[in-house]
């Protein structure tokens, strides 16, 4: 996160991170979607080469996620705190406790 914060404060024309940050949510989000697809493809590959490719794609996805968090003035610590909050709660129970409307924007009822 230090590198990302550094690029936010001191942009460099030679920096890929700077280019992502300047592109905002749309640019960073497009890369996240691309990398997520590549991660799933790599997970289907067998053998040691497949495992190596999977780790590579996971690192790419994690990096782009960190850039998005940094762009939004959040840190991995914020995500860790949320995961800790959820620990011990079943995923289904946690999801049911949310007050967010379902996809489509309308609340049931």
C-alpha atoms as a PDB file:
ATOM      1  CA  UNK A   1       0.000   0.000   0.000  1.00  0.00           C
ATOM      2  CA  UNK A   2       2.963   2.330   0.549  1.00  0.00           C
ATOM      3  CA  UNK A   3       3.800   2.279  -3.149  1.00  0.00           C
ATOM      4  CA  UNK A   4       0.196   3.017  -4.091  1.00  0.00           C
ATOM      5  CA  UNK A   5      -0.031   5.865  -1.585  1.00  0.00           C
ATOM      6  CA  UNK A   6       3.287   7.167  -2.874  1.00  0.00           C
ATOM      7  CA  UNK A   7       1.990   7.222  -6.439  1.00  0.00           C
ATOM      8  CA  UNK A   8      -1.152   9.056  -5.325  1.00  0.00           C
ATOM      9  CA  UNK A   9       0.961  11.756  -3.663  1.00  0.00           C
ATOM     10  CA  UNK A  10       3.762  11.840  -6.246  1.00  0.00           C
ATOM     11  CA  UNK A  11       2.502  10.651  -9.639  1.00  0.00           C
ATOM     12  CA  UNK A  12       5.092   9.445 -12.119  1.00  0.00           C
ATOM     13  CA  UNK A  13       4.491   9.392 -15.861  1.00  0.00           C
ATOM     14  CA  UNK A  14       6.474   6.126 -16.011  1.00  0.00           C
ATOM     15  CA  UNK A  15       4.335   4.362 -13.397  1.00  0.00           C
ATOM     16  CA  UNK A  16       1.645   1.822 -14.244  1.00  0.00           C
ATOM     17  CA  UNK A  17       0.126   2.432 -10.807  1.00  0.00           C
ATOM     18  CA  UNK A  18      -0.135   6.161 -11.557  1.00  0.00           C
ATOM     19  CA  UNK A  19      -1.848   5.416 -14.861  1.00  0.00           C
ATOM     20  CA  UNK A  20      -4.400   3.210 -13.091  1.00  0.00           C
ATOM     21  CA  UNK A  21      -5.048   5.809 -10.395  1.00  0.00           C
ATOM     22  CA  UNK A  22      -5.497   8.554 -12.974  1.00  0.00           C
ATOM     23  CA  UNK A  23      -8.004   6.353 -14.826  1.00  0.00           C
ATOM     24  CA  UNK A  24     -10.141   6.047 -11.722  1.00  0.00           C
ATOM     25  CA  UNK A  25     -12.711   3.420 -10.861  1.00  0.00           C
ATOM     26  CA  UNK A  26     -13.559   2.616 -14.487  1.00  0.00           C
ATOM     27  CA  UNK A  27      -9.963   1.866 -15.480  1.00  0.00           C
ATOM     28  CA  UNK A  28      -9.081   0.013 -12.290  1.00  0.00           C
ATOM     29  CA  UNK A  29     -12.387  -1.860 -12.322  1.00  0.00           C
ATOM     30  CA  UNK A  30     -11.874  -3.011 -15.910  1.00  0.00           C
ATOM     31  CA  UNK A  31      -8.485  -4.444 -14.940  1.00  0.00           C
ATOM     32  CA  UNK A  32      -9.989  -6.190 -11.912  1.00  0.00           C
ATOM     33  CA  UNK A  33     -12.618  -7.834 -14.112  1.00  0.00           C
ATOM     34  CA  UNK A  34      -9.969  -8.871 -16.640  1.00  0.00           C
ATOM     35  CA  UNK A  35      -7.676 -10.299 -13.973  1.00  0.00           C
ATOM     36  CA  UNK A  36     -10.544 -12.132 -12.240  1.00  0.00           C
ATOM     37  CA  UNK A  37     -11.353 -13.893 -15.508  1.00  0.00           C
ATOM     38  CA  UNK A  38      -7.705 -14.815 -16.007  1.00  0.00           C
ATOM     39  CA  UNK A  39      -7.562 -16.149 -12.447  1.00  0.00           C
ATOM     40  CA  UNK A  40     -10.487 -18.492 -13.097  1.00  0.00           C
ATOM     41  CA  UNK A  41      -8.937 -19.653 -16.379  1.00  0.00           C
ATOM     42  CA  UNK A  42      -5.636 -20.351 -14.623  1.00  0.00           C
ATOM     43  CA  UNK A  43      -7.429 -22.348 -11.919  1.00  0.00           C
ATOM     44  CA  UNK A  44      -8.569 -24.788 -14.614  1.00  0.00           C
ATOM     45  CA  UNK A  45      -4.996 -25.530 -15.683  1.00  0.00           C
ATOM     46  CA  UNK A  46      -3.411 -28.688 -14.340  1.00  0.00           C
ATOM     47  CA  UNK A  47       0.050 -29.489 -13.073  1.00  0.00           C
ATOM     48  CA  UNK A  48       2.828 -27.347 -11.701  1.00  0.00           C
ATOM     49  CA  UNK A  49       2.625 -24.896 -14.598  1.00  0.00           C
ATOM     50  CA  UNK A  50      -1.063 -24.405 -13.810  1.00  0.00           C
ATOM     51  CA  UNK A  51      -0.305 -23.777 -10.149  1.00  0.00           C
ATOM     52  CA  UNK A  52       2.381 -21.258 -11.050  1.00  0.00           C
ATOM     53  CA  UNK A  53       0.028 -19.492 -13.453  1.00  0.00           C
ATOM     54  CA  UNK A  54      -2.709 -19.425 -10.801  1.00  0.00           C
ATOM     55  CA  UNK A  55      -0.381 -17.763  -8.285  1.00  0.00           C
ATOM     56  CA  UNK A  56       0.669 -15.222 -10.926  1.00  0.00           C
ATOM     57  CA  UNK A  57      -2.930 -14.326 -11.752  1.00  0.00           C
ATOM     58  CA  UNK A  58      -3.902 -14.197  -8.059  1.00  0.00           C
ATOM     59  CA  UNK A  59      -1.084 -11.702  -7.496  1.00  0.00           C
ATOM     60  CA  UNK A  60      -2.297  -9.603 -10.433  1.00  0.00           C
ATOM     61  CA  UNK A  61      -5.847  -9.565  -9.078  1.00  0.00           C
ATOM     62  CA  UNK A  62      -4.677  -8.739  -5.549  1.00  0.00           C
ATOM     63  CA  UNK A  63      -2.521  -5.870  -6.847  1.00  0.00           C
ATOM     64  CA  UNK A  64      -5.381  -4.309  -8.789  1.00  0.00           C
ATOM     65  CA  UNK A  65      -7.710  -4.722  -5.805  1.00  0.00           C
ATOM     66  CA  UNK A  66      -5.166  -2.892  -3.637  1.00  0.00           C
ATOM     67  CA  UNK A  67      -4.951  -0.083  -6.197  1.00  0.00           C
ATOM     68  CA  UNK A  68      -8.746   0.276  -6.113  1.00  0.00           C
ATOM     69  CA  UNK A  69      -8.744   0.315  -2.317  1.00  0.00           C
ATOM     70  CA  UNK A  70      -6.022   2.965  -2.341  1.00  0.00           C
ATOM     71  CA  UNK A  71      -7.911   5.031  -4.892  1.00  0.00           C
ATOM     72  CA  UNK A  72     -10.909   4.938  -2.542  1.00  0.00           C
ATOM     73  CA  UNK A  73      -8.722   5.870   0.466  1.00  0.00           C
ATOM     74  CA  UNK A  74      -9.086   2.418   2.005  1.00  0.00           C
ATOM     75  CA  UNK A  75      -6.440  -0.087   3.042  1.00  0.00           C
ATOM     76  CA  UNK A  76      -6.059  -3.818   3.284  1.00  0.00           C
ATOM     77  CA  UNK A  77      -6.443  -3.249   7.031  1.00  0.00           C
ATOM     78  CA  UNK A  78      -9.994  -2.041   6.412  1.00  0.00           C
ATOM     79  CA  UNK A  79     -10.748  -5.278   4.561  1.00  0.00           C
ATOM     80  CA  UNK A  80      -9.078  -7.346   7.286  1.00  0.00           C
ATOM     81  CA  UNK A  81     -11.207  -5.599   9.919  1.00  0.00           C
ATOM     82  CA  UNK A  82     -14.364  -6.456   7.984  1.00  0.00           C
ATOM     83  CA  UNK A  83     -13.288 -10.087   7.650  1.00  0.00           C
ATOM     84  CA  UNK A  84     -12.563 -10.211  11.384  1.00  0.00           C
ATOM     85  CA  UNK A  85     -16.010  -8.780  12.069  1.00  0.00           C
ATOM     86  CA  UNK A  86     -17.535 -11.577  10.015  1.00  0.00           C
ATOM     87  CA  UNK A  87     -15.439 -14.335  11.608  1.00  0.00           C
ATOM     88  CA  UNK A  88     -17.644 -16.714  13.534  1.00  0.00           C
ATOM     89  CA  UNK A  89     -20.765 -15.702  11.623  1.00  0.00           C
ATOM     90  CA  UNK A  90     -22.027 -18.029   8.937  1.00  0.00           C
ATOM     91  CA  UNK A  91     -21.814 -16.483   5.488  1.00  0.00           C
ATOM     92  CA  UNK A  92     -25.510 -17.055   4.919  1.00  0.00           C
ATOM     93  CA  UNK A  93     -26.389 -15.462   8.252  1.00  0.00           C
ATOM     94  CA  UNK A  94     -24.151 -12.466   7.532  1.00  0.00           C
ATOM     95  CA  UNK A  95     -25.664 -11.994   4.078  1.00  0.00           C
ATOM     96  CA  UNK A  96     -29.208 -12.164   5.480  1.00  0.00           C
ATOM     97  CA  UNK A  97     -28.350  -9.490   8.062  1.00  0.00           C
ATOM     98  CA  UNK A  98     -27.477  -6.894   5.418  1.00  0.00           C
ATOM     99  CA  UNK A  99     -29.941  -4.131   4.751  1.00  0.00           C
ATOM    100  CA  UNK A 100     -28.789  -3.660   1.165  1.00  0.00           C
ATOM    101  CA  UNK A 101     -31.492  -4.120  -1.465  1.00  0.00           C
ATOM    102  CA  UNK A 102     -31.120  -7.158  -3.731  1.00  0.00           C
ATOM    103  CA  UNK A 103     -29.632  -6.776  -7.197  1.00  0.00           C
ATOM    104  CA  UNK A 104     -31.979  -4.739  -9.315  1.00  0.00           C
ATOM    105  CA  UNK A 105     -32.232  -1.971  -6.753  1.00  0.00           C
ATOM    106  CA  UNK A 106     -35.619  -2.757  -5.243  1.00  0.00           C
ATOM    107  CA  UNK A 107     -36.318  -4.140  -1.798  1.00  0.00           C
ATOM    108  CA  UNK A 108     -38.644  -7.091  -1.545  1.00  0.00           C
ATOM    109  CA  UNK A 109     -41.761  -6.451   0.385  1.00  0.00           C
END
